[in-house]
Amino acid sequence: MKDVIKFINNAAERTGDWALLAMRLTLAFGLFEPAVKKFENIRGTAEWFASLHFPLPTVSVLLAATVEFAGFFLLMLGLLTRYITIPLMFVMLMAILMVHLGNGFSSADNGIEIPFYYLVMLFLIFSKGPGRFSIDEAVVNKISK
């Protein structure tokens, strides 16, 4: 039994960087379409934001779309990873509080489920870093040598 536990723990440790890469890419691609949709219809999205009582709705749309779009590229590359997670977590909190909270948890009811999952994944990447398969890690390794 100890050998099985040791094997599983070793396998888990060896796959951690792959898991972080998979999570970064999943988040990146999940951010792309919402960002593009906001940029394609800034006026309509700003009107919707205004109906939800967002302050400065046009500015809010542009900020959210820019953060999401930057998040797409930076998470995909693993560049400035921990830094982009901070504004992305803020965007997810705003989405939860301003858009989804009143609808419960389920994504089927437009609830908080998806932005909550994104928030948790972003927090994990913030705390653990981007992993070995990232530009951040390559730069850190180069600098530390």
C-alpha atoms as a PDB file:
ATOM      1  CA  MET A   1       0.000   0.000   0.000  1.00  0.00           C
ATOM      2  CA  LYS A   2       2.856   2.419   0.791  1.00  0.00           C
ATOM      3  CA  ASP A   3       4.236   1.875  -2.720  1.00  0.00           C
ATOM      4  CA  VAL A   4       0.898   2.807  -4.294  1.00  0.00           C
ATOM      5  CA  ILE A   5       0.676   5.974  -2.208  1.00  0.00           C
ATOM      6  CA  LYS A   6       4.257   6.883  -3.038  1.00  0.00           C
ATOM      7  CA  PHE A   7       3.668   6.235  -6.760  1.00  0.00           C
ATOM      8  CA  ILE A   8       0.521   8.400  -6.799  1.00  0.00           C
ATOM      9  CA  ASN A   9       2.201  11.227  -4.883  1.00  0.00           C
ATOM     10  CA  ASN A  10       5.238  11.175  -7.198  1.00  0.00           C
ATOM     11  CA  ALA A  11       3.010  11.136 -10.287  1.00  0.00           C
ATOM     12  CA  ALA A  12       1.004  14.051  -8.911  1.00  0.00           C
ATOM     13  CA  GLU A  13       4.134  16.094  -8.289  1.00  0.00           C
ATOM     14  CA  ARG A  14       5.480  15.383 -11.774  1.00  0.00           C
ATOM     15  CA  THR A  15       2.231  16.488 -13.427  1.00  0.00           C
ATOM     16  CA  GLY A  16       1.714  19.710 -11.468  1.00  0.00           C
ATOM     17  CA  ASP A  17       3.234  21.943 -14.148  1.00  0.00           C
ATOM     18  CA  TRP A  18       1.071  20.309 -16.808  1.00  0.00           C
ATOM     19  CA  ALA A  19      -2.001  20.935 -14.647  1.00  0.00           C
ATOM     20  CA  LEU A  20      -1.079  24.615 -14.265  1.00  0.00           C
ATOM     21  CA  LEU A  21      -0.586  24.895 -18.019  1.00  0.00           C
ATOM     22  CA  ALA A  22      -3.961  23.253 -18.674  1.00  0.00           C
ATOM     23  CA  MET A  23      -5.640  25.587 -16.192  1.00  0.00           C
ATOM     24  CA  ARG A  24      -3.983  28.690 -17.674  1.00  0.00           C
ATOM     25  CA  LEU A  25      -5.029  27.707 -21.199  1.00  0.00           C
ATOM     26  CA  THR A  26      -8.575  26.858 -20.117  1.00  0.00           C
ATOM     27  CA  LEU A  27      -8.937  30.239 -18.440  1.00  0.00           C
ATOM     28  CA  ALA A  28      -7.331  32.060 -21.361  1.00  0.00           C
ATOM     29  CA  PHE A  29      -9.718  30.616 -23.906  1.00  0.00           C
ATOM     30  CA  GLY A  30     -12.655  31.189 -21.564  1.00  0.00           C
ATOM     31  CA  LEU A  31     -11.789  34.887 -21.401  1.00  0.00           C
ATOM     32  CA  PHE A  32     -11.358  35.409 -25.132  1.00  0.00           C
ATOM     33  CA  GLU A  33     -14.977  35.324 -26.327  1.00  0.00           C
ATOM     34  CA  PRO A  34     -16.431  37.568 -23.585  1.00  0.00           C
ATOM     35  CA  ALA A  35     -13.701  40.138 -24.290  1.00  0.00           C
ATOM     36  CA  VAL A  36     -14.341  40.080 -28.033  1.00  0.00           C
ATOM     37  CA  LYS A  37     -18.110  40.372 -27.529  1.00  0.00           C
ATOM     38  CA  LYS A  38     -17.657  43.408 -25.302  1.00  0.00           C
ATOM     39  CA  PHE A  39     -15.345  45.080 -27.834  1.00  0.00           C
ATOM     40  CA  GLU A  40     -17.715  44.273 -30.721  1.00  0.00           C
ATOM     41  CA  ASN A  41     -20.654  45.911 -28.951  1.00  0.00           C
ATOM     42  CA  ILE A  42     -19.290  48.483 -26.534  1.00  0.00           C
ATOM     43  CA  ARG A  43     -22.364  50.667 -26.735  1.00  0.00           C
ATOM     44  CA  GLY A  44     -24.863  47.847 -26.180  1.00  0.00           C
ATOM     45  CA  THR A  45     -22.795  46.347 -23.381  1.00  0.00           C
ATOM     46  CA  ALA A  46     -22.450  49.781 -21.753  1.00  0.00           C
ATOM     47  CA  GLU A  47     -26.236  50.179 -21.856  1.00  0.00           C
ATOM     48  CA  TRP A  48     -26.605  46.775 -20.221  1.00  0.00           C
ATOM     49  CA  PHE A  49     -23.947  47.688 -17.606  1.00  0.00           C
ATOM     50  CA  ALA A  50     -25.849  50.929 -16.925  1.00  0.00           C
ATOM     51  CA  SER A  51     -29.056  48.944 -16.340  1.00  0.00           C
ATOM     52  CA  LEU A  52     -27.119  46.912 -13.745  1.00  0.00           C
ATOM     53  CA  HIS A  53     -25.962  50.179 -12.082  1.00  0.00           C
ATOM     54  CA  PHE A  54     -22.283  49.828 -12.935  1.00  0.00           C
ATOM     55  CA  PRO A  55     -20.491  53.127 -12.357  1.00  0.00           C
ATOM     56  CA  LEU A  56     -19.238  54.747 -15.572  1.00  0.00           C
ATOM     57  CA  PRO A  57     -20.657  51.928 -17.731  1.00  0.00           C
ATOM     58  CA  THR A  58     -18.691  52.648 -20.918  1.00  0.00           C
ATOM     59  CA  VAL A  59     -15.427  52.898 -19.003  1.00  0.00           C
ATOM     60  CA  SER A  60     -16.356  49.749 -17.075  1.00  0.00           C
ATOM     61  CA  VAL A  61     -16.962  47.849 -20.321  1.00  0.00           C
ATOM     62  CA  LEU A  62     -13.679  49.006 -21.804  1.00  0.00           C
ATOM     63  CA  LEU A  63     -11.759  48.122 -18.631  1.00  0.00           C
ATOM     64  CA  ALA A  64     -13.380  44.697 -18.317  1.00  0.00           C
ATOM     65  CA  ALA A  65     -12.827  43.888 -21.994  1.00  0.00           C
ATOM     66  CA  THR A  66      -9.222  45.078 -21.893  1.00  0.00           C
ATOM     67  CA  VAL A  67      -8.455  43.054 -18.757  1.00  0.00           C
ATOM     68  CA  GLU A  68     -10.113  39.956 -20.241  1.00  0.00           C
ATOM     69  CA  PHE A  69      -8.281  40.355 -23.547  1.00  0.00           C
ATOM     70  CA  ALA A  70      -4.942  40.951 -21.824  1.00  0.00           C
ATOM     71  CA  GLY A  71      -5.718  37.955 -19.613  1.00  0.00           C
ATOM     72  CA  PHE A  72      -6.233  35.800 -22.692  1.00  0.00           C
ATOM     73  CA  PHE A  73      -2.772  36.571 -24.071  1.00  0.00           C
ATOM     74  CA  LEU A  74      -0.838  36.728 -20.821  1.00  0.00           C
ATOM     75  CA  LEU A  75      -2.283  33.547 -19.337  1.00  0.00           C
ATOM     76  CA  MET A  76      -1.756  31.701 -22.583  1.00  0.00           C
ATOM     77  CA  LEU A  77       1.905  32.699 -22.644  1.00  0.00           C
ATOM     78  CA  GLY A  78       2.465  32.510 -18.930  1.00  0.00           C
ATOM     79  CA  LEU A  79       3.721  36.088 -19.000  1.00  0.00           C
ATOM     80  CA  LEU A  80       3.169  38.443 -16.037  1.00  0.00           C
ATOM     81  CA  THR A  81       0.873  35.709 -14.846  1.00  0.00           C
ATOM     82  CA  ARG A  82       0.484  36.571 -11.201  1.00  0.00           C
ATOM     83  CA  TYR A  83       0.009  40.243 -12.051  1.00  0.00           C
ATOM     84  CA  ILE A  84      -2.822  39.694 -14.543  1.00  0.00           C
ATOM     85  CA  THR A  85      -4.668  37.406 -12.142  1.00  0.00           C
ATOM     86  CA  ILE A  86      -5.288  40.336  -9.777  1.00  0.00           C
ATOM     87  CA  PRO A  87      -7.398  42.479 -12.152  1.00  0.00           C
ATOM     88  CA  LEU A  88      -8.995  39.312 -13.564  1.00  0.00           C
ATOM     89  CA  MET A  89     -10.088  38.280 -10.065  1.00  0.00           C
ATOM     90  CA  PHE A  90     -11.577  41.754  -9.640  1.00  0.00           C
ATOM     91  CA  VAL A  91     -13.498  41.375 -12.930  1.00  0.00           C
ATOM     92  CA  MET A  92     -14.817  37.981 -11.764  1.00  0.00           C
ATOM     93  CA  LEU A  93     -15.884  39.452  -8.410  1.00  0.00           C
ATOM     94  CA  MET A  94     -17.730  42.247 -10.193  1.00  0.00           C
ATOM     95  CA  ALA A  95     -19.407  39.732 -12.504  1.00  0.00           C
ATOM     96  CA  ILE A  96     -20.492  37.679  -9.499  1.00  0.00           C
ATOM     97  CA  LEU A  97     -21.742  40.640  -7.459  1.00  0.00           C
ATOM     98  CA  MET A  98     -23.290  42.771 -10.206  1.00  0.00           C
ATOM     99  CA  VAL A  99     -24.581  40.207 -12.700  1.00  0.00           C
ATOM    100  CA  HIS A 100     -24.922  36.672 -11.370  1.00  0.00           C
ATOM    101  CA  LEU A 101     -25.473  36.754  -7.597  1.00  0.00           C
ATOM    102  CA  GLY A 102     -29.236  37.209  -7.726  1.00  0.00           C
ATOM    103  CA  ASN A 103     -29.590  34.141  -9.938  1.00  0.00           C
ATOM    104  CA  GLY A 104     -28.241  31.578  -7.487  1.00  0.00           C
ATOM    105  CA  PHE A 105     -25.358  29.217  -8.171  1.00  0.00           C
ATOM    106  CA  SER A 106     -26.221  27.255 -11.323  1.00  0.00           C
ATOM    107  CA  SER A 107     -24.869  28.455 -14.646  1.00  0.00           C
ATOM    108  CA  ALA A 108     -28.087  27.112 -16.204  1.00  0.00           C
ATOM    109  CA  ASP A 109     -29.869  29.964 -14.387  1.00  0.00           C
ATOM    110  CA  ASN A 110     -27.115  32.531 -15.138  1.00  0.00           C
ATOM    111  CA  GLY A 111     -25.855  32.061 -11.590  1.00  0.00           C
ATOM    112  CA  ILE A 112     -22.396  32.578 -10.147  1.00  0.00           C
ATOM    113  CA  GLU A 113     -21.051  29.133 -11.059  1.00  0.00           C
ATOM    114  CA  ILE A 114     -18.763  29.984 -13.998  1.00  0.00           C
ATOM    115  CA  PRO A 115     -17.260  33.257 -12.698  1.00  0.00           C
ATOM    116  CA  PHE A 116     -16.849  31.588  -9.290  1.00  0.00           C
ATOM    117  CA  TYR A 117     -14.886  28.710 -10.855  1.00  0.00           C
ATOM    118  CA  TYR A 118     -12.774  31.215 -12.781  1.00  0.00           C
ATOM    119  CA  LEU A 119     -12.146  33.166  -9.575  1.00  0.00           C
ATOM    120  CA  VAL A 120     -10.968  30.019  -7.771  1.00  0.00           C
ATOM    121  CA  MET A 121      -8.720  28.994 -10.694  1.00  0.00           C
ATOM    122  CA  LEU A 122      -7.252  32.495 -10.912  1.00  0.00           C
ATOM    123  CA  PHE A 123      -6.575  32.448  -7.180  1.00  0.00           C
ATOM    124  CA  LEU A 124      -4.780  29.119  -7.515  1.00  0.00           C
ATOM    125  CA  ILE A 125      -2.601  30.465 -10.336  1.00  0.00           C
ATOM    126  CA  PHE A 126      -1.934  33.605  -8.302  1.00  0.00           C
ATOM    127  CA  SER A 127      -0.804  31.524  -5.327  1.00  0.00           C
ATOM    128  CA  LYS A 128       1.100  28.759  -7.181  1.00  0.00           C
ATOM    129  CA  GLY A 129       2.397  30.721 -10.159  1.00  0.00           C
ATOM    130  CA  PRO A 130       2.210  29.822 -13.847  1.00  0.00           C
ATOM    131  CA  GLY A 131       4.241  26.627 -13.669  1.00  0.00           C
ATOM    132  CA  ARG A 132       7.337  25.514 -15.533  1.00  0.00           C
ATOM    133  CA  PHE A 133       5.781  25.861 -18.991  1.00  0.00           C
ATOM    134  CA  SER A 134       5.622  29.648 -19.011  1.00  0.00           C
ATOM    135  CA  ILE A 135       7.629  32.666 -20.075  1.00  0.00           C
ATOM    136  CA  ASP A 136       7.627  33.823 -16.453  1.00  0.00           C
ATOM    137  CA  GLU A 137       9.378  30.645 -15.356  1.00  0.00           C
ATOM    138  CA  ALA A 138      11.912  30.836 -18.196  1.00  0.00           C
ATOM    139  CA  VAL A 139      12.781  34.423 -17.254  1.00  0.00           C
ATOM    140  CA  VAL A 140      12.996  33.615 -13.548  1.00  0.00           C
ATOM    141  CA  ASN A 141      15.267  30.639 -14.262  1.00  0.00           C
ATOM    142  CA  LYS A 142      17.483  32.721 -16.533  1.00  0.00           C
ATOM    143  CA  ILE A 143      17.788  35.561 -14.020  1.00  0.00           C
ATOM    144  CA  SER A 144      18.502  33.214 -11.104  1.00  0.00           C
ATOM    145  CA  LYS A 145      21.405  31.456 -12.877  1.00  0.00           C
END
